Amino acid sequence: MKPHKISFVNAVTLISFGLWGYIDVDYSPTALIPVVFGVIILVLNSGLKKENKMVAHVVVLLTFLILFGLVKPLMSAIEGDRIMGIARISIMMLSTILALVVFVKSFIANRSKKN
């Protein structure tokens, strides 16, 4: 899968599941953090499609940050025994991990093309 496609899927996942979390957790503003990251990644997607290296690195950084940003909410959902919260955050994390794997593979492929 191409980086811009998985990034698009990840952004949409972060936005939709983040909004779901916002509504589900009594309109908690912290649930909007994945939404903000998703929107930024979505806006940068056209630069990814054009294979802009700077945009790619920014998107990878944002993707990496949101992965670590989702750890605490996952722990809270586990402690609170909120099954839907665990599922929702796990899906966002899985999508983010898949995006990072595709990015790393793409960077490796591009590096080996140069050599």
PDB file of N, CA and C in Angstrom:
ATOM      1  N   MET A   1       0.841  -1.177   0.000  1.00  0.00           N
ATOM      2  CA  MET A   1       0.000   0.000   0.000  1.00  0.00           C
ATOM      3  C   MET A   1       0.885   1.240   0.000  1.00  0.00           C
ATOM      4  N   LYS A   2       0.447   2.252  -0.707  1.00  0.00           N
ATOM      5  CA  LYS A   2       1.218   3.494  -0.794  1.00  0.00           C
ATOM      6  C   LYS A   2       1.029   4.327   0.471  1.00  0.00           C
ATOM      7  N   PRO A   3       2.065   5.069   0.854  1.00  0.00           N
ATOM      8  CA  PRO A   3       1.992   5.855   2.087  1.00  0.00           C
ATOM      9  C   PRO A   3       0.821   6.838   2.129  1.00  0.00           C
ATOM     10  N   HIS A   4       0.521   7.488   0.999  1.00  0.00           N
ATOM     11  CA  HIS A   4      -0.562   8.469   1.043  1.00  0.00           C
ATOM     12  C   HIS A   4      -1.924   7.803   1.249  1.00  0.00           C
ATOM     13  N   LYS A   5      -2.072   6.573   0.796  1.00  0.00           N
ATOM     14  CA  LYS A   5      -3.347   5.871   0.981  1.00  0.00           C
ATOM     15  C   LYS A   5      -3.528   5.435   2.438  1.00  0.00           C
ATOM     16  N   ILE A   6      -2.503   4.833   3.026  1.00  0.00           N
ATOM     17  CA  ILE A   6      -2.623   4.396   4.420  1.00  0.00           C
ATOM     18  C   ILE A   6      -2.697   5.611   5.341  1.00  0.00           C
ATOM     19  N   SER A   7      -2.045   6.696   4.978  1.00  0.00           N
ATOM     20  CA  SER A   7      -2.123   7.911   5.772  1.00  0.00           C
ATOM     21  C   SER A   7      -3.542   8.476   5.734  1.00  0.00           C
ATOM     22  N   PHE A   8      -4.175   8.415   4.570  1.00  0.00           N
ATOM     23  CA  PHE A   8      -5.562   8.863   4.445  1.00  0.00           C
ATOM     24  C   PHE A   8      -6.477   8.011   5.326  1.00  0.00           C
ATOM     25  N   VAL A   9      -6.298   6.692   5.255  1.00  0.00           N
ATOM     26  CA  VAL A   9      -7.105   5.780   6.076  1.00  0.00           C
ATOM     27  C   VAL A   9      -6.871   6.056   7.560  1.00  0.00           C
ATOM     28  N   ASN A  10      -5.626   6.261   7.934  1.00  0.00           N
ATOM     29  CA  ASN A  10      -5.296   6.547   9.331  1.00  0.00           C
ATOM     30  C   ASN A  10      -5.931   7.861   9.776  1.00  0.00           C
ATOM     31  N   ALA A  11      -5.849   8.880   8.936  1.00  0.00           N
ATOM     32  CA  ALA A  11      -6.432  10.181   9.286  1.00  0.00           C
ATOM     33  C   ALA A  11      -7.939  10.071   9.479  1.00  0.00           C
ATOM     34  N   VAL A  12      -8.604   9.396   8.567  1.00  0.00           N
ATOM     35  CA  VAL A  12     -10.058   9.229   8.673  1.00  0.00           C
ATOM     36  C   VAL A  12     -10.410   8.414   9.923  1.00  0.00           C
ATOM     37  N   THR A  13      -9.612   7.402  10.222  1.00  0.00           N
ATOM     38  CA  THR A  13      -9.833   6.594  11.426  1.00  0.00           C
ATOM     39  C   THR A  13      -9.675   7.448  12.679  1.00  0.00           C
ATOM     40  N   LEU A  14      -8.608   8.241  12.726  1.00  0.00           N
ATOM     41  CA  LEU A  14      -8.384   9.102  13.893  1.00  0.00           C
ATOM     42  C   LEU A  14      -9.522  10.108  14.065  1.00  0.00           C
ATOM     43  N   ILE A  15      -9.970  10.684  12.959  1.00  0.00           N
ATOM     44  CA  ILE A  15     -11.042  11.677  13.030  1.00  0.00           C
ATOM     45  C   ILE A  15     -12.355  11.039  13.476  1.00  0.00           C
ATOM     46  N   SER A  16     -12.740   9.974  12.814  1.00  0.00           N
ATOM     47  CA  SER A  16     -14.043   9.376  13.115  1.00  0.00           C
ATOM     48  C   SER A  16     -14.089   8.736  14.498  1.00  0.00           C
ATOM     49  N   PHE A  17     -13.059   7.978  14.844  1.00  0.00           N
ATOM     50  CA  PHE A  17     -13.059   7.329  16.152  1.00  0.00           C
ATOM     51  C   PHE A  17     -12.812   8.335  17.276  1.00  0.00           C
ATOM     52  N   GLY A  18     -12.052   9.399  16.979  1.00  0.00           N
ATOM     53  CA  GLY A  18     -11.851  10.459  17.966  1.00  0.00           C
ATOM     54  C   GLY A  18     -13.141  11.199  18.258  1.00  0.00           C
ATOM     55  N   LEU A  19     -13.928  11.484  17.203  1.00  0.00           N
ATOM     56  CA  LEU A  19     -15.224  12.135  17.410  1.00  0.00           C
ATOM     57  C   LEU A  19     -16.173  11.223  18.178  1.00  0.00           C
ATOM     58  N   TRP A  20     -16.127   9.948  17.867  1.00  0.00           N
ATOM     59  CA  TRP A  20     -16.929   8.972  18.600  1.00  0.00           C
ATOM     60  C   TRP A  20     -16.550   8.999  20.087  1.00  0.00           C
ATOM     61  N   GLY A  21     -15.259   9.026  20.364  1.00  0.00           N
ATOM     62  CA  GLY A  21     -14.789   9.087  21.742  1.00  0.00           C
ATOM     63  C   GLY A  21     -15.227  10.377  22.429  1.00  0.00           C
ATOM     64  N   TYR A  22     -15.197  11.470  21.689  1.00  0.00           N
ATOM     65  CA  TYR A  22     -15.624  12.762  22.232  1.00  0.00           C
ATOM     66  C   TYR A  22     -17.085  12.697  22.674  1.00  0.00           C
ATOM     67  N   ILE A  23     -17.922  12.113  21.839  1.00  0.00           N
ATOM     68  CA  ILE A  23     -19.348  11.992  22.151  1.00  0.00           C
ATOM     69  C   ILE A  23     -19.575  10.958  23.252  1.00  0.00           C
ATOM     70  N   ASP A  24     -18.834   9.863  23.182  1.00  0.00           N
ATOM     71  CA  ASP A  24     -19.024   8.748  24.118  1.00  0.00           C
ATOM     72  C   ASP A  24     -18.567   9.073  25.544  1.00  0.00           C
ATOM     73  N   VAL A  25     -17.561   9.928  25.673  1.00  0.00           N
ATOM     74  CA  VAL A  25     -16.985  10.225  26.984  1.00  0.00           C
ATOM     75  C   VAL A  25     -17.438  11.613  27.452  1.00  0.00           C
ATOM     76  N   ASP A  26     -18.716  11.861  27.346  1.00  0.00           N
ATOM     77  CA  ASP A  26     -19.322  13.104  27.842  1.00  0.00           C
ATOM     78  C   ASP A  26     -18.614  14.355  27.336  1.00  0.00           C
ATOM     79  N   TYR A  27     -18.305  14.378  26.073  1.00  0.00           N
ATOM     80  CA  TYR A  27     -17.729  15.553  25.415  1.00  0.00           C
ATOM     81  C   TYR A  27     -16.433  16.020  26.060  1.00  0.00           C
ATOM     82  N   SER A  28     -15.553  15.058  26.309  1.00  0.00           N
ATOM     83  CA  SER A  28     -14.245  15.360  26.879  1.00  0.00           C
ATOM     84  C   SER A  28     -13.358  15.985  25.802  1.00  0.00           C
ATOM     85  N   PRO A  29     -12.834  17.190  26.049  1.00  0.00           N
ATOM     86  CA  PRO A  29     -12.016  17.848  25.026  1.00  0.00           C
ATOM     87  C   PRO A  29     -10.739  17.082  24.674  1.00  0.00           C
ATOM     88  N   THR A  30     -10.216  16.280  25.601  1.00  0.00           N
ATOM     89  CA  THR A  30      -8.991  15.532  25.293  1.00  0.00           C
ATOM     90  C   THR A  30      -9.244  14.454  24.236  1.00  0.00           C
ATOM     91  N   ALA A  31     -10.495  14.047  24.087  1.00  0.00           N
ATOM     92  CA  ALA A  31     -10.816  13.061  23.058  1.00  0.00           C
ATOM     93  C   ALA A  31     -10.689  13.657  21.659  1.00  0.00           C
ATOM     94  N   LEU A  32     -10.568  14.976  21.570  1.00  0.00           N
ATOM     95  CA  LEU A  32     -10.429  15.635  20.270  1.00  0.00           C
ATOM     96  C   LEU A  32      -8.973  15.685  19.790  1.00  0.00           C
ATOM     97  N   ILE A  33      -8.036  15.269  20.629  1.00  0.00           N
ATOM     98  CA  ILE A  33      -6.627  15.289  20.229  1.00  0.00           C
ATOM     99  C   ILE A  33      -6.391  14.417  18.994  1.00  0.00           C
ATOM    100  N   PRO A  34      -6.885  13.170  18.944  1.00  0.00           N
ATOM    101  CA  PRO A  34      -6.708  12.392  17.711  1.00  0.00           C
ATOM    102  C   PRO A  34      -7.398  13.036  16.505  1.00  0.00           C
ATOM    103  N   VAL A  35      -8.497  13.739  16.756  1.00  0.00           N
ATOM    104  CA  VAL A  35      -9.210  14.416  15.670  1.00  0.00           C
ATOM    105  C   VAL A  35      -8.322  15.501  15.068  1.00  0.00           C
ATOM    106  N   VAL A  36      -7.686  16.286  15.923  1.00  0.00           N
ATOM    107  CA  VAL A  36      -6.799  17.362  15.456  1.00  0.00           C
ATOM    108  C   VAL A  36      -5.634  16.773  14.655  1.00  0.00           C
ATOM    109  N   PHE A  37      -5.018  15.725  15.184  1.00  0.00           N
ATOM    110  CA  PHE A  37      -3.917  15.078  14.463  1.00  0.00           C
ATOM    111  C   PHE A  37      -4.410  14.520  13.133  1.00  0.00           C
ATOM    112  N   GLY A  38      -5.588  13.905  13.149  1.00  0.00           N
ATOM    113  CA  GLY A  38      -6.159  13.338  11.929  1.00  0.00           C
ATOM    114  C   GLY A  38      -6.411  14.400  10.873  1.00  0.00           C
ATOM    115  N   VAL A  39      -6.935  15.546  11.289  1.00  0.00           N
ATOM    116  CA  VAL A  39      -7.202  16.639  10.349  1.00  0.00           C
ATOM    117  C   VAL A  39      -5.895  17.155   9.751  1.00  0.00           C
ATOM    118  N   ILE A  40      -4.880  17.333  10.585  1.00  0.00           N
ATOM    119  CA  ILE A  40      -3.583  17.824  10.085  1.00  0.00           C
ATOM    120  C   ILE A  40      -2.992  16.816   9.098  1.00  0.00           C
ATOM    121  N   ILE A  41      -3.029  15.539   9.449  1.00  0.00           N
ATOM    122  CA  ILE A  41      -2.504  14.501   8.551  1.00  0.00           C
ATOM    123  C   ILE A  41      -3.297  14.482   7.250  1.00  0.00           C
ATOM    124  N   LEU A  42      -4.593  14.658   7.330  1.00  0.00           N
ATOM    125  CA  LEU A  42      -5.443  14.677   6.136  1.00  0.00           C
ATOM    126  C   LEU A  42      -5.102  15.863   5.238  1.00  0.00           C
ATOM    127  N   VAL A  43      -4.865  17.015   5.844  1.00  0.00           N
ATOM    128  CA  VAL A  43      -4.493  18.213   5.073  1.00  0.00           C
ATOM    129  C   VAL A  43      -3.152  18.004   4.377  1.00  0.00           C
ATOM    130  N   LEU A  44      -2.228  17.316   5.035  1.00  0.00           N
ATOM    131  CA  LEU A  44      -0.900  17.083   4.461  1.00  0.00           C
ATOM    132  C   LEU A  44      -0.874  15.932   3.449  1.00  0.00           C
ATOM    133  N   ASN A  45      -1.983  15.239   3.297  1.00  0.00           N
ATOM    134  CA  ASN A  45      -2.021  14.054   2.443  1.00  0.00           C
ATOM    135  C   ASN A  45      -1.688  14.363   0.982  1.00  0.00           C
ATOM    136  N   SER A  46      -2.089  15.532   0.488  1.00  0.00           N
ATOM    137  CA  SER A  46      -1.777  15.854  -0.906  1.00  0.00           C
ATOM    138  C   SER A  46      -0.267  15.986  -1.117  1.00  0.00           C
ATOM    139  N   GLY A  47       0.439  16.501  -0.120  1.00  0.00           N
ATOM    140  CA  GLY A  47       1.901  16.575  -0.199  1.00  0.00           C
ATOM    141  C   GLY A  47       2.527  15.195  -0.183  1.00  0.00           C
ATOM    142  N   LEU A  48       1.925  14.288   0.566  1.00  0.00           N
ATOM    143  CA  LEU A  48       2.400  12.902   0.572  1.00  0.00           C
ATOM    144  C   LEU A  48       2.225  12.267  -0.802  1.00  0.00           C
ATOM    145  N   LYS A  49       1.080  12.546  -1.396  1.00  0.00           N
ATOM    146  CA  LYS A  49       0.787  11.971  -2.713  1.00  0.00           C
ATOM    147  C   LYS A  49       1.791  12.452  -3.758  1.00  0.00           C
ATOM    148  N   LYS A  50       2.247  13.693  -3.599  1.00  0.00           N
ATOM    149  CA  LYS A  50       3.246  14.263  -4.511  1.00  0.00           C
ATOM    150  C   LYS A  50       4.662  13.850  -4.133  1.00  0.00           C
ATOM    151  N   GLU A  51       4.786  13.014  -3.092  1.00  0.00           N
ATOM    152  CA  GLU A  51       6.061  12.491  -2.599  1.00  0.00           C
ATOM    153  C   GLU A  51       7.011  13.586  -2.116  1.00  0.00           C
ATOM    154  N   ASN A  52       6.445  14.586  -1.461  1.00  0.00           N
ATOM    155  CA  ASN A  52       7.227  15.652  -0.852  1.00  0.00           C
ATOM    156  C   ASN A  52       7.895  15.094   0.408  1.00  0.00           C
ATOM    157  N   LYS A  53       9.221  15.106   0.424  1.00  0.00           N
ATOM    158  CA  LYS A  53       9.962  14.497   1.537  1.00  0.00           C
ATOM    159  C   LYS A  53       9.704  15.200   2.868  1.00  0.00           C
ATOM    160  N   MET A  54       9.653  16.523   2.847  1.00  0.00           N
ATOM    161  CA  MET A  54       9.436  17.270   4.081  1.00  0.00           C
ATOM    162  C   MET A  54       8.057  16.944   4.662  1.00  0.00           C
ATOM    163  N   VAL A  55       7.047  16.921   3.816  1.00  0.00           N
ATOM    164  CA  VAL A  55       5.692  16.583   4.258  1.00  0.00           C
ATOM    165  C   VAL A  55       5.663  15.155   4.797  1.00  0.00           C
ATOM    166  N   ALA A  56       6.342  14.251   4.113  1.00  0.00           N
ATOM    167  CA  ALA A  56       6.376  12.857   4.564  1.00  0.00           C
ATOM    168  C   ALA A  56       6.967  12.748   5.964  1.00  0.00           C
ATOM    169  N   HIS A  57       8.036  13.480   6.215  1.00  0.00           N
ATOM    170  CA  HIS A  57       8.665  13.428   7.531  1.00  0.00           C
ATOM    171  C   HIS A  57       7.769  14.046   8.604  1.00  0.00           C
ATOM    172  N   VAL A  58       7.071  15.116   8.267  1.00  0.00           N
ATOM    173  CA  VAL A  58       6.149  15.735   9.224  1.00  0.00           C
ATOM    174  C   VAL A  58       5.010  14.773   9.546  1.00  0.00           C
ATOM    175  N   VAL A  59       4.465  14.124   8.518  1.00  0.00           N
ATOM    176  CA  VAL A  59       3.366  13.175   8.730  1.00  0.00           C
ATOM    177  C   VAL A  59       3.834  11.994   9.575  1.00  0.00           C
ATOM    178  N   VAL A  60       5.023  11.497   9.310  1.00  0.00           N
ATOM    179  CA  VAL A  60       5.556  10.389  10.116  1.00  0.00           C
ATOM    180  C   VAL A  60       5.729  10.830  11.569  1.00  0.00           C
ATOM    181  N   LEU A  61       6.230  12.026  11.782  1.00  0.00           N
ATOM    182  CA  LEU A  61       6.394  12.542  13.146  1.00  0.00           C
ATOM    183  C   LEU A  61       5.043  12.648  13.848  1.00  0.00           C
ATOM    184  N   LEU A  62       4.049  13.209  13.168  1.00  0.00           N
ATOM    185  CA  LEU A  62       2.716  13.329  13.756  1.00  0.00           C
ATOM    186  C   LEU A  62       2.115  11.955  14.046  1.00  0.00           C
ATOM    187  N   THR A  63       2.318  11.021  13.130  1.00  0.00           N
ATOM    188  CA  THR A  63       1.802   9.669  13.306  1.00  0.00           C
ATOM    189  C   THR A  63       2.461   9.001  14.501  1.00  0.00           C
ATOM    190  N   PHE A  64       3.752   9.188  14.627  1.00  0.00           N
ATOM    191  CA  PHE A  64       4.500   8.634  15.757  1.00  0.00           C
ATOM    192  C   PHE A  64       4.025   9.255  17.078  1.00  0.00           C
ATOM    193  N   LEU A  65       3.827  10.569  17.086  1.00  0.00           N
ATOM    194  CA  LEU A  65       3.381  11.256  18.299  1.00  0.00           C
ATOM    195  C   LEU A  65       1.989  10.801  18.730  1.00  0.00           C
ATOM    196  N   ILE A  66       1.081  10.635  17.776  1.00  0.00           N
ATOM    197  CA  ILE A  66      -0.275  10.233  18.143  1.00  0.00           C
ATOM    198  C   ILE A  66      -0.288   8.802  18.664  1.00  0.00           C
ATOM    199  N   LEU A  67       0.605   7.969  18.151  1.00  0.00           N
ATOM    200  CA  LEU A  67       0.681   6.599  18.672  1.00  0.00           C
ATOM    201  C   LEU A  67       0.998   6.621  20.165  1.00  0.00           C
ATOM    202  N   PHE A  68       1.998   7.397  20.547  1.00  0.00           N
ATOM    203  CA  PHE A  68       2.352   7.490  21.959  1.00  0.00           C
ATOM    204  C   PHE A  68       1.305   8.262  22.751  1.00  0.00           C
ATOM    205  N   GLY A  69       0.635   9.200  22.096  1.00  0.00           N
ATOM    206  CA  GLY A  69      -0.424   9.950  22.760  1.00  0.00           C
ATOM    207  C   GLY A  69      -1.645   9.110  23.074  1.00  0.00           C
ATOM    208  N   LEU A  70      -1.813   8.014  22.371  1.00  0.00           N
ATOM    209  CA  LEU A  70      -2.970   7.141  22.598  1.00  0.00           C
ATOM    210  C   LEU A  70      -2.729   6.115  23.705  1.00  0.00           C
ATOM    211  N   VAL A  71      -1.500   5.988  24.174  1.00  0.00           N
ATOM    212  CA  VAL A  71      -1.196   4.995  25.212  1.00  0.00           C
ATOM    213  C   VAL A  71      -1.918   5.322  26.517  1.00  0.00           C
ATOM    214  N   LYS A  72      -1.848   6.555  26.970  1.00  0.00           N
ATOM    215  CA  LYS A  72      -2.483   6.939  28.236  1.00  0.00           C
ATOM    216  C   LYS A  72      -4.001   6.748  28.188  1.00  0.00           C
ATOM    217  N   PRO A  73      -4.684   7.214  27.134  1.00  0.00           N
ATOM    218  CA  PRO A  73      -6.126   6.959  27.073  1.00  0.00           C
ATOM    219  C   PRO A  73      -6.464   5.464  27.065  1.00  0.00           C
ATOM    220  N   LEU A  74      -5.621   4.660  26.431  1.00  0.00           N
ATOM    221  CA  LEU A  74      -5.858   3.217  26.432  1.00  0.00           C
ATOM    222  C   LEU A  74      -5.735   2.669  27.847  1.00  0.00           C
ATOM    223  N   MET A  75      -4.726   3.100  28.575  1.00  0.00           N
ATOM    224  CA  MET A  75      -4.559   2.648  29.962  1.00  0.00           C
ATOM    225  C   MET A  75      -5.745   3.078  30.822  1.00  0.00           C
ATOM    226  N   SER A  76      -6.223   4.300  30.608  1.00  0.00           N
ATOM    227  CA  SER A  76      -7.395   4.788  31.356  1.00  0.00           C
ATOM    228  C   SER A  76      -8.636   3.977  31.027  1.00  0.00           C
ATOM    229  N   ALA A  77      -8.801   3.641  29.752  1.00  0.00           N
ATOM    230  CA  ALA A  77      -9.958   2.844  29.340  1.00  0.00           C
ATOM    231  C   ALA A  77      -9.880   1.442  29.937  1.00  0.00           C
ATOM    232  N   ILE A  78      -8.680   0.897  30.002  1.00  0.00           N
ATOM    233  CA  ILE A  78      -8.501  -0.432  30.602  1.00  0.00           C
ATOM    234  C   ILE A  78      -8.805  -0.373  32.099  1.00  0.00           C
ATOM    235  N   GLU A  79      -8.273   0.637  32.785  1.00  0.00           N
ATOM    236  CA  GLU A  79      -8.523   0.786  34.220  1.00  0.00           C
ATOM    237  C   GLU A  79     -10.003   1.000  34.515  1.00  0.00           C
ATOM    238  N   GLY A  80     -10.684   1.755  33.651  1.00  0.00           N
ATOM    239  CA  GLY A  80     -12.104   2.027  33.841  1.00  0.00           C
ATOM    240  C   GLY A  80     -12.998   0.919  33.329  1.00  0.00           C
ATOM    241  N   ASP A  81     -12.383  -0.117  32.770  1.00  0.00           N
ATOM    242  CA  ASP A  81     -13.120  -1.271  32.249  1.00  0.00           C
ATOM    243  C   ASP A  81     -14.165  -0.848  31.204  1.00  0.00           C
ATOM    244  N   ARG A  82     -13.760   0.122  30.343  1.00  0.00           N
ATOM    245  CA  ARG A  82     -14.644   0.602  29.286  1.00  0.00           C
ATOM    246  C   ARG A  82     -14.303  -0.141  27.993  1.00  0.00           C
ATOM    247  N   ILE A  83     -15.067  -1.165  27.708  1.00  0.00           N
ATOM    248  CA  ILE A  83     -14.798  -2.045  26.574  1.00  0.00           C
ATOM    249  C   ILE A  83     -14.824  -1.280  25.249  1.00  0.00           C
ATOM    250  N   MET A  84     -15.824  -0.420  25.058  1.00  0.00           N
ATOM    251  CA  MET A  84     -15.898   0.339  23.800  1.00  0.00           C
ATOM    252  C   MET A  84     -14.716   1.301  23.674  1.00  0.00           C
ATOM    253  N   GLY A  85     -14.300   1.900  24.778  1.00  0.00           N
ATOM    254  CA  GLY A  85     -13.139   2.788  24.756  1.00  0.00           C
ATOM    255  C   GLY A  85     -11.869   2.033  24.408  1.00  0.00           C
ATOM    256  N   ILE A  86     -11.731   0.839  24.978  1.00  0.00           N
ATOM    257  CA  ILE A  86     -10.559   0.003  24.674  1.00  0.00           C
ATOM    258  C   ILE A  86     -10.551  -0.351  23.192  1.00  0.00           C
ATOM    259  N   ALA A  87     -11.691  -0.754  22.675  1.00  0.00           N
ATOM    260  CA  ALA A  87     -11.787  -1.138  21.258  1.00  0.00           C
ATOM    261  C   ALA A  87     -11.502   0.058  20.356  1.00  0.00           C
ATOM    262  N   ARG A  88     -12.101   1.197  20.670  1.00  0.00           N
ATOM    263  CA  ARG A  88     -11.949   2.398  19.846  1.00  0.00           C
ATOM    264  C   ARG A  88     -10.488   2.847  19.806  1.00  0.00           C
ATOM    265  N   ILE A  89      -9.851   2.918  20.956  1.00  0.00           N
ATOM    266  CA  ILE A  89      -8.461   3.379  21.020  1.00  0.00           C
ATOM    267  C   ILE A  89      -7.530   2.348  20.397  1.00  0.00           C
ATOM    268  N   SER A  90      -7.817   1.069  20.597  1.00  0.00           N
ATOM    269  CA  SER A  90      -7.000   0.010  19.990  1.00  0.00           C
ATOM    270  C   SER A  90      -7.058   0.073  18.470  1.00  0.00           C
ATOM    271  N   ILE A  91      -8.228   0.353  17.926  1.00  0.00           N
ATOM    272  CA  ILE A  91      -8.356   0.471  16.465  1.00  0.00           C
ATOM    273  C   ILE A  91      -7.555   1.669  15.963  1.00  0.00           C
ATOM    274  N   MET A  92      -7.618   2.789  16.681  1.00  0.00           N
ATOM    275  CA  MET A  92      -6.820   3.957  16.274  1.00  0.00           C
ATOM    276  C   MET A  92      -5.329   3.638  16.342  1.00  0.00           C
ATOM    277  N   MET A  93      -4.919   2.924  17.390  1.00  0.00           N
ATOM    278  CA  MET A  93      -3.505   2.570  17.525  1.00  0.00           C
ATOM    279  C   MET A  93      -3.077   1.596  16.426  1.00  0.00           C
ATOM    280  N   LEU A  94      -3.919   0.638  16.119  1.00  0.00           N
ATOM    281  CA  LEU A  94      -3.604  -0.326  15.060  1.00  0.00           C
ATOM    282  C   LEU A  94      -3.455   0.376  13.715  1.00  0.00           C
ATOM    283  N   SER A  95      -4.367   1.268  13.415  1.00  0.00           N
ATOM    284  CA  SER A  95      -4.297   2.038  12.176  1.00  0.00           C
ATOM    285  C   SER A  95      -3.004   2.855  12.121  1.00  0.00           C
ATOM    286  N   THR A  96      -2.644   3.443  13.246  1.00  0.00           N
ATOM    287  CA  THR A  96      -1.441   4.263  13.316  1.00  0.00           C
ATOM    288  C   THR A  96      -0.181   3.411  13.155  1.00  0.00           C
ATOM    289  N   ILE A  97      -0.163   2.245  13.789  1.00  0.00           N
ATOM    290  CA  ILE A  97       0.986   1.338  13.658  1.00  0.00           C
ATOM    291  C   ILE A  97       1.137   0.875  12.204  1.00  0.00           C
ATOM    292  N   LEU A  98       0.019   0.526  11.576  1.00  0.00           N
ATOM    293  CA  LEU A  98       0.069   0.109  10.169  1.00  0.00           C
ATOM    294  C   LEU A  98       0.618   1.229   9.290  1.00  0.00           C
ATOM    295  N   ALA A  99       0.190   2.456   9.559  1.00  0.00           N
ATOM    296  CA  ALA A  99       0.699   3.595   8.790  1.00  0.00           C
ATOM    297  C   ALA A  99       2.204   3.739   8.987  1.00  0.00           C
ATOM    298  N   LEU A 100       2.668   3.605  10.216  1.00  0.00           N
ATOM    299  CA  LEU A 100       4.108   3.719  10.473  1.00  0.00           C
ATOM    300  C   LEU A 100       4.891   2.618   9.767  1.00  0.00           C
ATOM    301  N   VAL A 101       4.361   1.407   9.756  1.00  0.00           N
ATOM    302  CA  VAL A 101       5.031   0.296   9.066  1.00  0.00           C
ATOM    303  C   VAL A 101       5.153   0.602   7.573  1.00  0.00           C
ATOM    304  N   VAL A 102       4.084   1.101   6.973  1.00  0.00           N
ATOM    305  CA  VAL A 102       4.120   1.435   5.544  1.00  0.00           C
ATOM    306  C   VAL A 102       5.114   2.562   5.287  1.00  0.00           C
ATOM    307  N   PHE A 103       5.145   3.564   6.159  1.00  0.00           N
ATOM    308  CA  PHE A 103       6.106   4.653   6.001  1.00  0.00           C
ATOM    309  C   PHE A 103       7.541   4.150   6.072  1.00  0.00           C
ATOM    310  N   VAL A 104       7.836   3.314   7.041  1.00  0.00           N
ATOM    311  CA  VAL A 104       9.196   2.790   7.186  1.00  0.00           C
ATOM    312  C   VAL A 104       9.578   1.972   5.961  1.00  0.00           C
ATOM    313  N   LYS A 105       8.671   1.109   5.495  1.00  0.00           N
ATOM    314  CA  LYS A 105       8.953   0.323   4.288  1.00  0.00           C
ATOM    315  C   LYS A 105       9.190   1.229   3.085  1.00  0.00           C
ATOM    316  N   SER A 106       8.417   2.294   2.984  1.00  0.00           N
ATOM    317  CA  SER A 106       8.575   3.236   1.880  1.00  0.00           C
ATOM    318  C   SER A 106       9.924   3.941   1.961  1.00  0.00           C
ATOM    319  N   PHE A 107      10.311   4.365   3.164  1.00  0.00           N
ATOM    320  CA  PHE A 107      11.606   5.027   3.328  1.00  0.00           C
ATOM    321  C   PHE A 107      12.747   4.074   2.976  1.00  0.00           C
ATOM    322  N   ILE A 108      12.631   2.825   3.389  1.00  0.00           N
ATOM    323  CA  ILE A 108      13.664   1.829   3.070  1.00  0.00           C
ATOM    324  C   ILE A 108      13.728   1.597   1.568  1.00  0.00           C
ATOM    325  N   ALA A 109      12.574   1.467   0.926  1.00  0.00           N
ATOM    326  CA  ALA A 109      12.536   1.263  -0.526  1.00  0.00           C
ATOM    327  C   ALA A 109      13.137   2.440  -1.271  1.00  0.00           C
ATOM    328  N   ASN A 110      12.825   3.652  -0.833  1.00  0.00           N
ATOM    329  CA  ASN A 110      13.383   4.835  -1.478  1.00  0.00           C
ATOM    330  C   ASN A 110      14.896   4.943  -1.269  1.00  0.00           C
ATOM    331  N   ARG A 111      15.358   4.526  -0.103  1.00  0.00           N
ATOM    332  CA  ARG A 111      16.783   4.556   0.186  1.00  0.00           C
ATOM    333  C   ARG A 111      17.535   3.549  -0.683  1.00  0.00           C
ATOM    334  N   SER A 112      16.952   2.359  -0.856  1.00  0.00           N
ATOM    335  CA  SER A 112      17.629   1.349  -1.664  1.00  0.00           C
ATOM    336  C   SER A 112      17.575   1.674  -3.158  1.00  0.00           C
ATOM    337  N   LYS A 113      16.615   2.476  -3.593  1.00  0.00           N
ATOM    338  CA  LYS A 113      16.585   2.923  -4.975  1.00  0.00           C
ATOM    339  C   LYS A 113      17.781   3.831  -5.287  1.00  0.00           C
ATOM    340  N   LYS A 114      18.179   4.640  -4.290  1.00  0.00           N
ATOM    341  CA  LYS A 114      19.298   5.548  -4.470  1.00  0.00           C
ATOM    342  C   LYS A 114      20.620   4.820  -4.576  1.00  0.00           C
ATOM    343  N   ASN A 115      20.710   3.660  -3.895  1.00  0.00           N
ATOM    344  CA  ASN A 115      21.986   2.919  -3.881  1.00  0.00           C
ATOM    345  C   ASN A 115      22.114   1.966  -5.003  1.00  0.00           C
TER     346      ASN A 115
END
